[in-house]
Amino acid sequence: MDTNYAYGRVPGTLRERYAEAHELTRRAWAAEDPFVFNGRHTNLRYANCWPKPMQKPHAPIWIPGGGSIENWDFCVENDYNYSYLSFSAISGRAS
């Protein structure tokens, strides 16, 4: 939500923007040559990832979150690790 405030973004477009950035990143990791990316929110004449991740097909992806069902679904659909962000210790108090 910081993006909305700092850059004047409409909150209703965040998931769409995230999905587009996810597509761009995965495509850049996989492409051998520079490519054109024309998304709804991002337009790049030359998209190129260098250096590329050493892991194939891609590096492990960990998605942080606070319990959003949509994030869980996204991680399951893409076989990513969901990392729940907790603001307290297991017992609820610092040791």
PDB file of N, CA and C in Angstrom:
ATOM      1  N   MET A   1       0.823  -1.202   0.000  1.00  0.00           N
ATOM      2  CA  MET A   1       0.000   0.000   0.000  1.00  0.00           C
ATOM      3  C   MET A   1       0.861   1.257   0.000  1.00  0.00           C
ATOM      4  N   ASP A   2       2.145   1.129   0.354  1.00  0.00           N
ATOM      5  CA  ASP A   2       3.037   2.287   0.315  1.00  0.00           C
ATOM      6  C   ASP A   2       3.138   2.853  -1.092  1.00  0.00           C
ATOM      7  N   THR A   3       3.093   1.988  -2.096  1.00  0.00           N
ATOM      8  CA  THR A   3       3.176   2.441  -3.484  1.00  0.00           C
ATOM      9  C   THR A   3       2.021   3.365  -3.817  1.00  0.00           C
ATOM     10  N   ASN A   4       0.854   3.028  -3.313  1.00  0.00           N
ATOM     11  CA  ASN A   4      -0.320   3.864  -3.571  1.00  0.00           C
ATOM     12  C   ASN A   4      -0.102   5.275  -3.067  1.00  0.00           C
ATOM     13  N   TYR A   5       0.401   5.383  -1.862  1.00  0.00           N
ATOM     14  CA  TYR A   5       0.597   6.692  -1.246  1.00  0.00           C
ATOM     15  C   TYR A   5       1.769   7.443  -1.879  1.00  0.00           C
ATOM     16  N   ALA A   6       2.904   6.779  -2.002  1.00  0.00           N
ATOM     17  CA  ALA A   6       4.117   7.448  -2.483  1.00  0.00           C
ATOM     18  C   ALA A   6       4.056   7.823  -3.964  1.00  0.00           C
ATOM     19  N   TYR A   7       3.437   6.958  -4.780  1.00  0.00           N
ATOM     20  CA  TYR A   7       3.443   7.188  -6.219  1.00  0.00           C
ATOM     21  C   TYR A   7       2.073   7.488  -6.798  1.00  0.00           C
ATOM     22  N   GLY A   8       1.078   7.604  -5.949  1.00  0.00           N
ATOM     23  CA  GLY A   8      -0.252   7.942  -6.422  1.00  0.00           C
ATOM     24  C   GLY A   8      -0.898   6.862  -7.258  1.00  0.00           C
ATOM     25  N   ARG A   9      -0.631   5.608  -6.942  1.00  0.00           N
ATOM     26  CA  ARG A   9      -1.215   4.490  -7.688  1.00  0.00           C
ATOM     27  C   ARG A   9      -2.608   4.169  -7.161  1.00  0.00           C
ATOM     28  N   VAL A  10      -3.450   3.701  -8.039  1.00  0.00           N
ATOM     29  CA  VAL A  10      -4.803   3.297  -7.666  1.00  0.00           C
ATOM     30  C   VAL A  10      -4.713   1.907  -7.027  1.00  0.00           C
ATOM     31  N   PRO A  11      -5.203   1.737  -5.794  1.00  0.00           N
ATOM     32  CA  PRO A  11      -5.083   0.446  -5.118  1.00  0.00           C
ATOM     33  C   PRO A  11      -5.686  -0.727  -5.884  1.00  0.00           C
ATOM     34  N   GLY A  12      -6.710  -0.478  -6.657  1.00  0.00           N
ATOM     35  CA  GLY A  12      -7.371  -1.546  -7.398  1.00  0.00           C
ATOM     36  C   GLY A  12      -6.528  -2.154  -8.507  1.00  0.00           C
ATOM     37  N   THR A  13      -5.398  -1.530  -8.858  1.00  0.00           N
ATOM     38  CA  THR A  13      -4.562  -2.056  -9.942  1.00  0.00           C
ATOM     39  C   THR A  13      -3.332  -2.807  -9.438  1.00  0.00           C
ATOM     40  N   LEU A  14      -3.142  -2.907  -8.116  1.00  0.00           N
ATOM     41  CA  LEU A  14      -1.909  -3.512  -7.591  1.00  0.00           C
ATOM     42  C   LEU A  14      -1.732  -4.970  -8.000  1.00  0.00           C
ATOM     43  N   ARG A  15      -2.770  -5.774  -7.901  1.00  0.00           N
ATOM     44  CA  ARG A  15      -2.637  -7.190  -8.269  1.00  0.00           C
ATOM     45  C   ARG A  15      -2.352  -7.339  -9.769  1.00  0.00           C
ATOM     46  N   GLU A  16      -2.994  -6.513 -10.572  1.00  0.00           N
ATOM     47  CA  GLU A  16      -2.759  -6.549 -12.015  1.00  0.00           C
ATOM     48  C   GLU A  16      -1.316  -6.152 -12.333  1.00  0.00           C
ATOM     49  N   ARG A  17      -0.825  -5.117 -11.672  1.00  0.00           N
ATOM     50  CA  ARG A  17       0.566  -4.689 -11.868  1.00  0.00           C
ATOM     51  C   ARG A  17       1.542  -5.774 -11.418  1.00  0.00           C
ATOM     52  N   TYR A  18       1.236  -6.401 -10.292  1.00  0.00           N
ATOM     53  CA  TYR A  18       2.090  -7.464  -9.765  1.00  0.00           C
ATOM     54  C   TYR A  18       2.140  -8.633 -10.744  1.00  0.00           C
ATOM     55  N   ALA A  19       0.997  -9.028 -11.279  1.00  0.00           N
ATOM     56  CA  ALA A  19       0.938 -10.135 -12.232  1.00  0.00           C
ATOM     57  C   ALA A  19       1.758  -9.816 -13.481  1.00  0.00           C
ATOM     58  N   GLU A  20       1.681  -8.574 -13.940  1.00  0.00           N
ATOM     59  CA  GLU A  20       2.445  -8.180 -15.119  1.00  0.00           C
ATOM     60  C   GLU A  20       3.942  -8.191 -14.830  1.00  0.00           C
ATOM     61  N   ALA A  21       4.353  -7.703 -13.673  1.00  0.00           N
ATOM     62  CA  ALA A  21       5.767  -7.710 -13.291  1.00  0.00           C
ATOM     63  C   ALA A  21       6.266  -9.146 -13.133  1.00  0.00           C
ATOM     64  N   HIS A  22       5.423 -10.021 -12.607  1.00  0.00           N
ATOM     65  CA  HIS A  22       5.774 -11.435 -12.467  1.00  0.00           C
ATOM     66  C   HIS A  22       6.011 -12.052 -13.838  1.00  0.00           C
ATOM     67  N   GLU A  23       5.126 -11.783 -14.778  1.00  0.00           N
ATOM     68  CA  GLU A  23       5.276 -12.294 -16.141  1.00  0.00           C
ATOM     69  C   GLU A  23       6.572 -11.790 -16.778  1.00  0.00           C
ATOM     70  N   LEU A  24       6.853 -10.501 -16.622  1.00  0.00           N
ATOM     71  CA  LEU A  24       8.069  -9.908 -17.182  1.00  0.00           C
ATOM     72  C   LEU A  24       9.318 -10.554 -16.586  1.00  0.00           C
ATOM     73  N   THR A  25       9.341 -10.723 -15.285  1.00  0.00           N
ATOM     74  CA  THR A  25      10.510 -11.308 -14.621  1.00  0.00           C
ATOM     75  C   THR A  25      10.751 -12.734 -15.083  1.00  0.00           C
ATOM     76  N   ARG A  26       9.711 -13.557 -15.081  1.00  0.00           N
ATOM     77  CA  ARG A  26       9.867 -14.957 -15.501  1.00  0.00           C
ATOM     78  C   ARG A  26      10.312 -15.042 -16.963  1.00  0.00           C
ATOM     79  N   ARG A  27       9.756 -14.173 -17.790  1.00  0.00           N
ATOM     80  CA  ARG A  27      10.135 -14.189 -19.210  1.00  0.00           C
ATOM     81  C   ARG A  27      11.583 -13.730 -19.400  1.00  0.00           C
ATOM     82  N   ALA A  28      12.007 -12.719 -18.654  1.00  0.00           N
ATOM     83  CA  ALA A  28      13.380 -12.225 -18.761  1.00  0.00           C
ATOM     84  C   ALA A  28      14.379 -13.286 -18.300  1.00  0.00           C
ATOM     85  N   TRP A  29      14.040 -14.034 -17.273  1.00  0.00           N
ATOM     86  CA  TRP A  29      14.926 -15.104 -16.811  1.00  0.00           C
ATOM     87  C   TRP A  29      15.069 -16.195 -17.861  1.00  0.00           C
ATOM     88  N   ALA A  30      14.011 -16.471 -18.608  1.00  0.00           N
ATOM     89  CA  ALA A  30      14.012 -17.580 -19.564  1.00  0.00           C
ATOM     90  C   ALA A  30      14.557 -17.202 -20.939  1.00  0.00           C
ATOM     91  N   ALA A  31      14.393 -15.949 -21.357  1.00  0.00           N
ATOM     92  CA  ALA A  31      14.774 -15.536 -22.716  1.00  0.00           C
ATOM     93  C   ALA A  31      16.293 -15.479 -22.878  1.00  0.00           C
ATOM     94  N   GLU A  32      16.749 -15.992 -23.982  1.00  0.00           N
ATOM     95  CA  GLU A  32      18.184 -15.944 -24.279  1.00  0.00           C
ATOM     96  C   GLU A  32      18.596 -14.595 -24.868  1.00  0.00           C
ATOM     97  N   ASP A  33      17.693 -13.958 -25.583  1.00  0.00           N
ATOM     98  CA  ASP A  33      17.996 -12.687 -26.241  1.00  0.00           C
ATOM     99  C   ASP A  33      17.071 -11.593 -25.705  1.00  0.00           C
ATOM    100  N   PRO A  34      17.474 -10.314 -25.878  1.00  0.00           N
ATOM    101  CA  PRO A  34      16.575  -9.216 -25.493  1.00  0.00           C
ATOM    102  C   PRO A  34      15.249  -9.330 -26.252  1.00  0.00           C
ATOM    103  N   PHE A  35      14.189  -8.875 -25.614  1.00  0.00           N
ATOM    104  CA  PHE A  35      12.871  -8.947 -26.231  1.00  0.00           C
ATOM    105  C   PHE A  35      12.085  -7.681 -25.909  1.00  0.00           C
ATOM    106  N   VAL A  36      11.033  -7.446 -26.667  1.00  0.00           N
ATOM    107  CA  VAL A  36      10.130  -6.313 -26.450  1.00  0.00           C
ATOM    108  C   VAL A  36       9.049  -6.763 -25.483  1.00  0.00           C
ATOM    109  N   PHE A  37       8.759  -5.937 -24.486  1.00  0.00           N
ATOM    110  CA  PHE A  37       7.679  -6.242 -23.557  1.00  0.00           C
ATOM    111  C   PHE A  37       6.697  -5.083 -23.567  1.00  0.00           C
ATOM    112  N   ASN A  38       5.501  -5.340 -24.041  1.00  0.00           N
ATOM    113  CA  ASN A  38       4.449  -4.334 -24.080  1.00  0.00           C
ATOM    114  C   ASN A  38       3.290  -4.801 -23.208  1.00  0.00           C
ATOM    115  N   GLY A  39       3.340  -4.410 -21.951  1.00  0.00           N
ATOM    116  CA  GLY A  39       2.263  -4.744 -21.032  1.00  0.00           C
ATOM    117  C   GLY A  39       1.323  -3.561 -20.901  1.00  0.00           C
ATOM    118  N   ARG A  40       0.343  -3.715 -20.083  1.00  0.00           N
ATOM    119  CA  ARG A  40      -0.598  -2.619 -19.853  1.00  0.00           C
ATOM    120  C   ARG A  40       0.042  -1.503 -19.026  1.00  0.00           C
ATOM    121  N   HIS A  41       0.923  -1.889 -18.087  1.00  0.00           N
ATOM    122  CA  HIS A  41       1.534  -0.913 -17.184  1.00  0.00           C
ATOM    123  C   HIS A  41       3.019  -0.710 -17.435  1.00  0.00           C
ATOM    124  N   THR A  42       3.657  -1.637 -18.122  1.00  0.00           N
ATOM    125  CA  THR A  42       5.095  -1.566 -18.374  1.00  0.00           C
ATOM    126  C   THR A  42       5.364  -1.797 -19.847  1.00  0.00           C
ATOM    127  N   ASN A  43       6.102  -0.886 -20.462  1.00  0.00           N
ATOM    128  CA  ASN A  43       6.509  -1.028 -21.856  1.00  0.00           C
ATOM    129  C   ASN A  43       8.018  -0.880 -21.938  1.00  0.00           C
ATOM    130  N   LEU A  44       8.671  -1.921 -22.441  1.00  0.00           N
ATOM    131  CA  LEU A  44      10.127  -1.909 -22.564  1.00  0.00           C
ATOM    132  C   LEU A  44      10.524  -2.246 -23.986  1.00  0.00           C
ATOM    133  N   ARG A  45      11.343  -1.406 -24.577  1.00  0.00           N
ATOM    134  CA  ARG A  45      11.820  -1.655 -25.930  1.00  0.00           C
ATOM    135  C   ARG A  45      12.800  -2.824 -25.936  1.00  0.00           C
ATOM    136  N   TYR A  46      13.675  -2.864 -24.910  1.00  0.00           N
ATOM    137  CA  TYR A  46      14.650  -3.943 -24.786  1.00  0.00           C
ATOM    138  C   TYR A  46      14.606  -4.480 -23.363  1.00  0.00           C
ATOM    139  N   ALA A  47      13.970  -5.618 -23.182  1.00  0.00           N
ATOM    140  CA  ALA A  47      13.971  -6.278 -21.880  1.00  0.00           C
ATOM    141  C   ALA A  47      15.041  -7.356 -21.927  1.00  0.00           C
ATOM    142  N   ASN A  48      15.940  -7.316 -20.950  1.00  0.00           N
ATOM    143  CA  ASN A  48      17.043  -8.260 -20.927  1.00  0.00           C
ATOM    144  C   ASN A  48      17.506  -8.418 -19.489  1.00  0.00           C
ATOM    145  N   CYS A  49      17.623  -9.638 -19.044  1.00  0.00           N
ATOM    146  CA  CYS A  49      18.097  -9.914 -17.693  1.00  0.00           C
ATOM    147  C   CYS A  49      19.537 -10.388 -17.781  1.00  0.00           C
ATOM    148  N   TRP A  50      20.406  -9.621 -17.167  1.00  0.00           N
ATOM    149  CA  TRP A  50      21.812 -10.029 -17.149  1.00  0.00           C
ATOM    150  C   TRP A  50      22.446  -9.555 -15.865  1.00  0.00           C
ATOM    151  N   PRO A  51      23.127 -10.384 -15.134  1.00  0.00           N
ATOM    152  CA  PRO A  51      23.285 -11.816 -15.375  1.00  0.00           C
ATOM    153  C   PRO A  51      22.015 -12.574 -15.039  1.00  0.00           C
ATOM    154  N   LYS A  52      21.883 -13.724 -15.613  1.00  0.00           N
ATOM    155  CA  LYS A  52      20.708 -14.564 -15.388  1.00  0.00           C
ATOM    156  C   LYS A  52      20.942 -15.462 -14.171  1.00  0.00           C
ATOM    157  N   PRO A  53      19.856 -15.913 -13.529  1.00  0.00           N
ATOM    158  CA  PRO A  53      20.013 -16.852 -12.423  1.00  0.00           C
ATOM    159  C   PRO A  53      20.692 -18.140 -12.897  1.00  0.00           C
ATOM    160  N   MET A  54      21.515 -18.716 -12.055  1.00  0.00           N
ATOM    161  CA  MET A  54      22.200 -19.961 -12.410  1.00  0.00           C
ATOM    162  C   MET A  54      21.258 -21.163 -12.346  1.00  0.00           C
ATOM    163  N   GLN A  55      20.262 -21.094 -11.459  1.00  0.00           N
ATOM    164  CA  GLN A  55      19.335 -22.207 -11.308  1.00  0.00           C
ATOM    165  C   GLN A  55      18.422 -22.317 -12.530  1.00  0.00           C
ATOM    166  N   LYS A  56      18.108 -23.540 -12.910  1.00  0.00           N
ATOM    167  CA  LYS A  56      17.214 -23.769 -14.039  1.00  0.00           C
ATOM    168  C   LYS A  56      16.004 -24.550 -13.556  1.00  0.00           C
ATOM    169  N   PRO A  57      14.810 -24.182 -13.910  1.00  0.00           N
ATOM    170  CA  PRO A  57      14.452 -23.140 -14.859  1.00  0.00           C
ATOM    171  C   PRO A  57      14.527 -21.740 -14.271  1.00  0.00           C
ATOM    172  N   HIS A  58      14.537 -21.612 -12.923  1.00  0.00           N
ATOM    173  CA  HIS A  58      14.685 -20.300 -12.303  1.00  0.00           C
ATOM    174  C   HIS A  58      15.083 -20.480 -10.848  1.00  0.00           C
ATOM    175  N   ALA A  59      15.493 -19.397 -10.237  1.00  0.00           N
ATOM    176  CA  ALA A  59      15.849 -19.424  -8.820  1.00  0.00           C
ATOM    177  C   ALA A  59      14.604 -19.691  -7.980  1.00  0.00           C
ATOM    178  N   PRO A  60      14.778 -20.231  -6.754  1.00  0.00           N
ATOM    179  CA  PRO A  60      13.613 -20.420  -5.892  1.00  0.00           C
ATOM    180  C   PRO A  60      12.925 -19.078  -5.629  1.00  0.00           C
ATOM    181  N   ILE A  61      11.622 -19.086  -5.625  1.00  0.00           N
ATOM    182  CA  ILE A  61      10.868 -17.855  -5.404  1.00  0.00           C
ATOM    183  C   ILE A  61      10.092 -17.984  -4.109  1.00  0.00           C
ATOM    184  N   TRP A  62      10.318 -17.040  -3.215  1.00  0.00           N
ATOM    185  CA  TRP A  62       9.644 -17.000  -1.921  1.00  0.00           C
ATOM    186  C   TRP A  62       8.764 -15.760  -1.905  1.00  0.00           C
ATOM    187  N   ILE A  63       7.506 -15.921  -1.611  1.00  0.00           N
ATOM    188  CA  ILE A  63       6.549 -14.818  -1.583  1.00  0.00           C
ATOM    189  C   ILE A  63       6.190 -14.515  -0.128  1.00  0.00           C
ATOM    190  N   PRO A  64       6.508 -13.313   0.356  1.00  0.00           N
ATOM    191  CA  PRO A  64       6.124 -12.955   1.723  1.00  0.00           C
ATOM    192  C   PRO A  64       4.674 -12.494   1.766  1.00  0.00           C
ATOM    193  N   GLY A  65       4.027 -12.694   2.888  1.00  0.00           N
ATOM    194  CA  GLY A  65       2.650 -12.241   3.008  1.00  0.00           C
ATOM    195  C   GLY A  65       2.149 -12.312   4.433  1.00  0.00           C
ATOM    196  N   GLY A  66       0.995 -11.751   4.623  1.00  0.00           N
ATOM    197  CA  GLY A  66       0.403 -11.696   5.949  1.00  0.00           C
ATOM    198  C   GLY A  66      -0.876 -12.485   6.078  1.00  0.00           C
ATOM    199  N   GLY A  67      -1.137 -13.395   5.159  1.00  0.00           N
ATOM    200  CA  GLY A  67      -2.312 -14.242   5.280  1.00  0.00           C
ATOM    201  C   GLY A  67      -3.334 -14.085   4.176  1.00  0.00           C
ATOM    202  N   SER A  68      -3.015 -13.348   3.126  1.00  0.00           N
ATOM    203  CA  SER A  68      -3.950 -13.140   2.030  1.00  0.00           C
ATOM    204  C   SER A  68      -4.224 -14.452   1.297  1.00  0.00           C
ATOM    205  N   ILE A  69      -5.485 -14.798   1.146  1.00  0.00           N
ATOM    206  CA  ILE A  69      -5.876 -16.014   0.433  1.00  0.00           C
ATOM    207  C   ILE A  69      -5.407 -15.955  -1.018  1.00  0.00           C
ATOM    208  N   GLU A  70      -5.448 -14.767  -1.612  1.00  0.00           N
ATOM    209  CA  GLU A  70      -5.012 -14.621  -3.001  1.00  0.00           C
ATOM    210  C   GLU A  70      -3.524 -14.950  -3.142  1.00  0.00           C
ATOM    211  N   ASN A  71      -2.722 -14.544  -2.149  1.00  0.00           N
ATOM    212  CA  ASN A  71      -1.290 -14.860  -2.201  1.00  0.00           C
ATOM    213  C   ASN A  71      -1.054 -16.357  -2.050  1.00  0.00           C
ATOM    214  N   TRP A  72      -1.816 -17.007  -1.182  1.00  0.00           N
ATOM    215  CA  TRP A  72      -1.687 -18.461  -1.032  1.00  0.00           C
ATOM    216  C   TRP A  72      -1.993 -19.143  -2.354  1.00  0.00           C
ATOM    217  N   ASP A  73      -3.091 -18.749  -2.984  1.00  0.00           N
ATOM    218  CA  ASP A  73      -3.470 -19.341  -4.269  1.00  0.00           C
ATOM    219  C   ASP A  73      -2.387 -19.118  -5.318  1.00  0.00           C
ATOM    220  N   PHE A  74      -1.831 -17.903  -5.360  1.00  0.00           N
ATOM    221  CA  PHE A  74      -0.774 -17.571  -6.323  1.00  0.00           C
ATOM    222  C   PHE A  74       0.427 -18.493  -6.121  1.00  0.00           C
ATOM    223  N   CYS A  75       0.814 -18.720  -4.877  1.00  0.00           N
ATOM    224  CA  CYS A  75       1.961 -19.582  -4.575  1.00  0.00           C
ATOM    225  C   CYS A  75       1.680 -21.034  -4.959  1.00  0.00           C
ATOM    226  N   VAL A  76       0.483 -21.510  -4.695  1.00  0.00           N
ATOM    227  CA  VAL A  76       0.123 -22.884  -5.046  1.00  0.00           C
ATOM    228  C   VAL A  76       0.131 -23.053  -6.569  1.00  0.00           C
ATOM    229  N   GLU A  77      -0.459 -22.104  -7.289  1.00  0.00           N
ATOM    230  CA  GLU A  77      -0.530 -22.183  -8.748  1.00  0.00           C
ATOM    231  C   GLU A  77       0.844 -22.185  -9.398  1.00  0.00           C
ATOM    232  N   ASN A  78       1.810 -21.473  -8.776  1.00  0.00           N
ATOM    233  CA  ASN A  78       3.134 -21.337  -9.377  1.00  0.00           C
ATOM    234  C   ASN A  78       4.212 -22.163  -8.688  1.00  0.00           C
ATOM    235  N   ASP A  79       3.839 -22.959  -7.698  1.00  0.00           N
ATOM    236  CA  ASP A  79       4.782 -23.793  -6.948  1.00  0.00           C
ATOM    237  C   ASP A  79       5.876 -22.946  -6.290  1.00  0.00           C
ATOM    238  N   TYR A  80       5.447 -21.859  -5.629  1.00  0.00           N
ATOM    239  CA  TYR A  80       6.365 -20.981  -4.901  1.00  0.00           C
ATOM    240  C   TYR A  80       6.233 -21.234  -3.403  1.00  0.00           C
ATOM    241  N   ASN A  81       7.236 -20.806  -2.656  1.00  0.00           N
ATOM    242  CA  ASN A  81       7.196 -20.904  -1.202  1.00  0.00           C
ATOM    243  C   ASN A  81       6.479 -19.689  -0.645  1.00  0.00           C
ATOM    244  N   TYR A  82       5.456 -19.907   0.191  1.00  0.00           N
ATOM    245  CA  TYR A  82       4.762 -18.798   0.848  1.00  0.00           C
ATOM    246  C   TYR A  82       5.382 -18.597   2.221  1.00  0.00           C
ATOM    247  N   SER A  83       5.873 -17.400   2.505  1.00  0.00           N
ATOM    248  CA  SER A  83       6.539 -17.099   3.768  1.00  0.00           C
ATOM    249  C   SER A  83       5.660 -16.156   4.574  1.00  0.00           C
ATOM    250  N   TYR A  84       5.000 -16.703   5.569  1.00  0.00           N
ATOM    251  CA  TYR A  84       4.091 -15.907   6.396  1.00  0.00           C
ATOM    252  C   TYR A  84       4.892 -14.935   7.256  1.00  0.00           C
ATOM    253  N   LEU A  85       4.502 -13.671   7.233  1.00  0.00           N
ATOM    254  CA  LEU A  85       5.171 -12.647   8.039  1.00  0.00           C
ATOM    255  C   LEU A  85       4.446 -12.512   9.366  1.00  0.00           C
ATOM    256  N   SER A  86       5.159 -12.809  10.436  1.00  0.00           N
ATOM    257  CA  SER A  86       4.586 -12.706  11.767  1.00  0.00           C
ATOM    258  C   SER A  86       5.269 -11.570  12.512  1.00  0.00           C
ATOM    259  N   PHE A  87       4.510 -10.830  13.272  1.00  0.00           N
ATOM    260  CA  PHE A  87       5.082  -9.705  14.012  1.00  0.00           C
ATOM    261  C   PHE A  87       5.295 -10.040  15.482  1.00  0.00           C
ATOM    262  N   SER A  88       5.138 -11.305  15.839  1.00  0.00           N
ATOM    263  CA  SER A  88       5.417 -11.715  17.214  1.00  0.00           C
ATOM    264  C   SER A  88       6.096 -13.078  17.198  1.00  0.00           C
ATOM    265  N   ALA A  89       6.753 -13.396  18.273  1.00  0.00           N
ATOM    266  CA  ALA A  89       7.420 -14.684  18.382  1.00  0.00           C
ATOM    267  C   ALA A  89       6.370 -15.784  18.497  1.00  0.00           C
ATOM    268  N   ILE A  90       6.807 -17.023  18.461  1.00  0.00           N
ATOM    269  CA  ILE A  90       5.877 -18.146  18.540  1.00  0.00           C
ATOM    270  C   ILE A  90       5.033 -18.059  19.800  1.00  0.00           C
ATOM    271  N   SER A  91       5.678 -17.723  20.910  1.00  0.00           N
ATOM    272  CA  SER A  91       4.940 -17.653  22.174  1.00  0.00           C
ATOM    273  C   SER A  91       4.210 -16.315  22.338  1.00  0.00           C
ATOM    274  N   GLY A  92       4.481 -15.378  21.446  1.00  0.00           N
ATOM    275  CA  GLY A  92       3.838 -14.066  21.559  1.00  0.00           C
ATOM    276  C   GLY A  92       4.646 -13.084  22.391  1.00  0.00           C
ATOM    277  N   ARG A  93       5.798 -13.519  22.905  1.00  0.00           N
ATOM    278  CA  ARG A  93       6.636 -12.607  23.694  1.00  0.00           C
ATOM    279  C   ARG A  93       8.101 -12.842  23.345  1.00  0.00           C
ATOM    280  N   ALA A  94       8.882 -11.828  23.515  1.00  0.00           N
ATOM    281  CA  ALA A  94      10.321 -11.950  23.249  1.00  0.00           C
ATOM    282  C   ALA A  94      10.984 -12.759  24.339  1.00  0.00           C
ATOM    283  N   SER A  95      12.021 -13.546  23.997  1.00  0.00           N
ATOM    284  CA  SER A  95      12.703 -14.316  25.029  1.00  0.00           C
ATOM    285  C   SER A  95      13.893 -13.598  25.573  1.00  0.00           C
TER     286      SER A  95
END
